[in-house]
Protein backbone atom coordinates (compact mmCIF):
# COMPACT_ATOMS: atom_id res chain seq x y z
CA MET A 1 27.70 -29.78 32.89
CA GLU A 2 28.19 -28.31 29.39
CA PRO A 3 25.80 -30.78 27.67
CA ILE A 4 23.13 -29.98 30.27
CA ARG A 5 23.66 -26.26 29.74
CA GLN A 6 23.30 -26.68 25.98
CA SER A 7 20.18 -28.79 26.33
CA LEU A 8 18.55 -26.03 28.37
CA ALA A 9 19.39 -23.36 25.79
CA ARG A 10 16.33 -22.04 24.01
CA SER A 11 16.01 -20.78 20.48
CA SER A 12 16.21 -17.07 19.78
CA ILE A 13 13.03 -15.05 19.58
CA LEU A 14 13.81 -14.26 15.94
CA SER A 15 13.92 -17.93 14.98
CA ASP A 16 10.76 -18.54 17.04
CA VAL A 17 8.77 -15.80 15.35
CA ARG A 18 9.98 -16.72 11.87
CA ARG A 19 8.93 -20.31 12.42
CA ALA A 20 5.56 -19.30 13.87
CA THR A 21 4.71 -16.92 11.02
CA SER A 22 6.14 -18.86 8.07
CA VAL A 23 2.83 -20.35 6.89
CA ALA A 24 0.74 -17.17 7.26
CA HIS A 25 3.54 -15.06 5.72
CA ALA A 26 3.93 -17.33 2.70
CA ALA A 27 0.16 -17.51 2.19
CA LEU A 28 -0.13 -13.72 2.19
CA ASP A 29 2.74 -13.27 -0.28
CA GLN A 30 1.25 -15.89 -2.59
CA ALA A 31 -2.23 -14.34 -2.43
CA LEU A 32 -0.94 -10.83 -3.20
CA ALA A 33 1.40 -11.95 -5.99
CA LEU A 34 2.29 -8.37 -6.93
CA SER A 35 4.54 -8.90 -9.92
CA THR A 36 5.36 -6.10 -12.34
CA GLU A 37 3.04 -7.69 -14.90
CA SER A 38 0.07 -7.90 -12.52
CA ILE A 39 0.23 -4.39 -11.02
CA THR A 40 -2.39 -1.92 -12.20
CA PHE A 41 -3.46 1.41 -10.72
CA ALA A 42 -6.59 -0.30 -9.33
CA ARG A 43 -4.61 -3.15 -7.71
CA TYR A 44 -2.07 -0.79 -6.22
CA GLU A 45 -4.81 1.43 -4.84
CA ALA A 46 -6.48 -1.63 -3.28
CA PHE A 47 -3.13 -2.63 -1.77
CA LEU A 48 -2.68 0.82 -0.23
CA LEU A 49 -6.22 0.87 1.14
CA GLY A 50 -5.81 -2.57 2.69
CA THR A 51 -2.49 -1.56 4.19
CA GLU A 52 -3.86 1.72 5.53
CA ARG A 53 -6.62 -0.10 7.38
CA ILE A 54 -4.03 -2.10 9.34
CA VAL A 55 -1.29 0.49 9.72
CA ARG A 56 -3.58 3.17 11.11
CA ARG A 57 -4.65 0.73 13.85
CA VAL A 58 -1.29 -0.77 14.83
CA GLU A 59 1.27 1.96 14.17
CA PRO A 60 0.48 3.87 17.40
CA LEU A 61 0.62 0.61 19.38
CA VAL A 62 4.30 0.00 18.70
CA ALA A 63 5.65 3.51 19.24
CA THR A 64 7.41 2.38 22.42
CA VAL A 65 9.35 -0.26 20.47
CA GLY A 66 11.02 2.40 18.31
CA ALA A 67 12.50 3.99 21.40
CA ARG A 68 14.36 0.73 22.12
CA VAL A 69 16.03 0.63 18.71
CA ARG A 70 19.49 2.10 18.18
CA ASP A 71 19.76 5.04 15.76
CA THR A 72 16.13 6.05 16.13
CA ASP A 73 16.76 8.97 13.77
CA ARG A 74 16.38 6.35 11.05
CA VAL A 75 12.75 5.65 12.04
CA GLY A 76 11.48 7.88 9.24
CA PRO A 77 8.05 9.40 8.70
CA LEU A 78 4.79 7.88 9.88
CA ARG A 79 3.60 5.07 7.67
CA SER A 80 0.02 6.31 7.82
CA ALA A 81 1.05 9.76 6.55
CA CYS A 82 2.96 8.21 3.65
CA ILE A 83 0.00 6.04 2.69
CA GLU A 84 -2.29 9.07 2.71
CA ARG A 85 0.12 10.88 0.40
CA ASP A 86 0.36 7.91 -1.96
CA LEU A 87 -3.42 7.43 -2.07
CA ALA A 88 -3.81 11.12 -2.88
CA ARG A 89 -1.35 10.61 -5.76
CA MET A 90 -3.65 7.82 -6.99
CA GLY A 91 -6.58 10.22 -6.81
CA ARG A 92 -8.11 8.56 -3.78
CA VAL A 93 -9.02 10.27 -0.52
CA PRO A 94 -8.13 7.84 2.28
CA PRO A 95 -10.54 7.23 5.17
CA SER A 96 -8.26 9.08 7.54
CA CYS A 97 -9.73 11.96 9.53
CA ARG A 98 -11.56 9.72 11.96
CA ALA A 99 -12.00 10.82 15.55
CA GLU A 100 -10.47 8.02 17.60
CA LEU A 101 -9.42 7.64 21.20
CA PRO A 102 -5.68 7.18 21.73
CA PRO A 103 -4.95 3.43 21.84
CA ALA A 104 -3.99 1.80 25.10
CA PRO A 105 -0.32 0.77 25.06
CA LEU A 106 0.31 -2.88 24.29
CA PRO A 107 2.30 -5.16 26.59
CA ALA A 108 5.86 -5.56 25.34
CA PRO A 109 5.52 -9.10 23.90
CA GLU A 110 2.60 -8.14 21.67
CA ALA A 111 4.18 -4.81 20.69
CA TRP A 112 7.39 -6.52 19.59
CA GLY A 113 5.48 -9.14 17.60
CA ILE A 114 3.55 -6.48 15.70
CA ALA A 115 6.67 -4.35 15.20
CA TYR A 116 8.51 -7.35 13.74
CA VAL A 117 5.92 -7.68 10.98
CA LEU A 118 5.83 -3.94 10.28
CA GLU A 119 9.60 -3.58 10.15
CA GLY A 120 10.10 -6.71 8.07
CA SER A 121 7.64 -5.42 5.49
CA ALA A 122 9.85 -2.35 4.94
CA LEU A 123 12.49 -4.58 3.32
CA GLY A 124 10.02 -6.02 0.82
CA GLY A 125 8.61 -2.55 0.31
CA LEU A 126 11.72 -1.40 -1.52
CA VAL A 127 11.45 -4.30 -3.97
CA LEU A 128 7.73 -3.70 -4.47
CA ALA A 129 8.29 0.05 -4.95
CA ALA A 130 10.51 -0.59 -7.97
CA ARG A 131 7.90 -2.94 -9.45
CA VAL A 132 5.09 -0.44 -8.92
CA GLU A 133 7.07 2.42 -10.44
CA ARG A 134 8.01 0.29 -13.43
CA ALA A 135 4.48 -1.05 -13.98
CA LEU A 136 2.71 2.29 -13.58
CA GLY A 137 5.33 4.52 -15.17
CA LEU A 138 5.97 6.51 -11.98
CA ASP A 139 9.14 8.34 -11.03
CA MET A 140 11.04 6.96 -8.03
CA GLY A 141 9.10 7.79 -4.87
CA ASP A 142 6.16 9.24 -6.81
CA GLY A 143 3.20 7.46 -5.19
CA THR A 144 5.51 5.00 -3.42
CA SER A 145 6.60 6.99 -0.37
CA PHE A 146 5.17 4.31 1.94
CA LEU A 147 7.04 1.52 0.19
CA ARG A 148 10.24 3.59 0.26
CA LEU A 149 9.68 4.56 3.90
CA ARG A 150 13.35 4.81 4.96
CA GLY A 151 15.00 4.52 1.57
CA LYS A 152 18.72 3.78 1.80
CA GLU A 153 18.51 3.59 5.62
CA THR A 154 16.16 0.58 5.50
CA GLY A 155 18.82 -2.11 5.90
CA ALA A 156 20.64 -0.31 8.71
CA TYR A 157 17.44 0.25 10.66
CA TRP A 158 16.39 -3.38 10.19
CA SER A 159 19.72 -4.55 11.62
CA ALA A 160 19.31 -2.21 14.60
CA PHE A 161 15.74 -3.41 15.10
CA LEU A 162 16.79 -7.07 15.08
CA ALA A 163 19.49 -6.38 17.68
CA ALA A 164 16.92 -4.76 19.97
CA PHE A 165 14.42 -7.54 19.24
CA GLU A 166 16.91 -10.23 20.22
CA ALA A 167 17.81 -8.30 23.38
CA PHE A 168 14.13 -8.27 24.33
CA GLY A 169 13.90 -11.99 23.60
CA GLU A 170 16.90 -12.86 25.74
CA ALA A 171 15.26 -11.23 28.76
CA ALA A 172 11.74 -12.51 28.02
CA LEU A 173 10.12 -15.58 29.54
CA PRO A 174 9.11 -18.51 27.30
CA ALA A 175 5.46 -17.52 27.68
CA GLU A 176 6.34 -14.03 26.44
CA HIS A 177 8.07 -15.57 23.42
CA ALA A 178 4.82 -17.37 22.66
CA ARG A 179 2.79 -14.16 22.96
CA THR A 180 5.17 -12.34 20.63
CA CYS A 181 4.85 -15.11 18.06
CA ALA A 182 1.05 -15.17 18.35
CA ALA A 183 0.81 -11.39 17.85
CA ALA A 184 3.02 -11.51 14.75
CA GLU A 185 1.10 -14.43 13.23
CA GLN A 186 -2.24 -12.74 13.91
CA LEU A 187 -1.08 -9.56 12.18
CA PHE A 188 -0.27 -11.49 9.00
CA ARG A 189 -3.81 -12.89 9.13
CA ASP A 190 -5.24 -9.43 9.77
CA TYR A 191 -3.41 -8.13 6.71
CA ALA A 192 -4.90 -10.92 4.60
CA GLU A 193 -8.41 -10.09 5.81
CA SER A 194 -7.88 -6.38 5.15
CA PHE A 195 -6.58 -7.05 1.63
CA ARG A 196 -9.64 -9.18 0.91
CA HIS A 197 -11.81 -6.33 2.17
CA SER A 198 -10.05 -3.79 -0.08
CA GLY A 199 -10.02 -6.09 -3.12
CA ALA A 200 -6.24 -6.46 -3.26
CA ILE A 201 -6.73 -10.23 -3.01
CA SER A 202 -9.80 -12.35 -3.67
């Protein structure tokens, strides 16, 4: 019976979503190509504007996911508020004070897929923050509060998020795995479109 049991075992939701998003993720990283040498105030501003356009839309949709993650005191400030502060530091008024209806809550599979992309980007944000500060001559955290969202707590929160993500995946149906993967992949594509719109990528 053991071989049969093993043959019926399915892959984890983390491996599923990584596989599903690998092409879109790599394409976005390559298109942005934000090295220390290529970062200017104009490029960084375009990056923040492109990010703000996505974050303002999706951040409220995944609020319920945060409640499922251990040590939620590590969640940190709102991403949208940090981006507004960083854009103000760049001398740009973000398109923020829009009157919008509260978003309808997303089903769990889609919310987890979107949250995976958002939370994963926080890891790369710390690396990018150092590059931006070096390239633009900024002090640590000066204009990079979004990229340094949780600071030294980033790794611990990511580990807690992954544990909760895998717990969701273990209880989810295969069709829900597919919906989670589709939502994550689409968000990478949405980011690419938003960065083209802002001029961060051509």
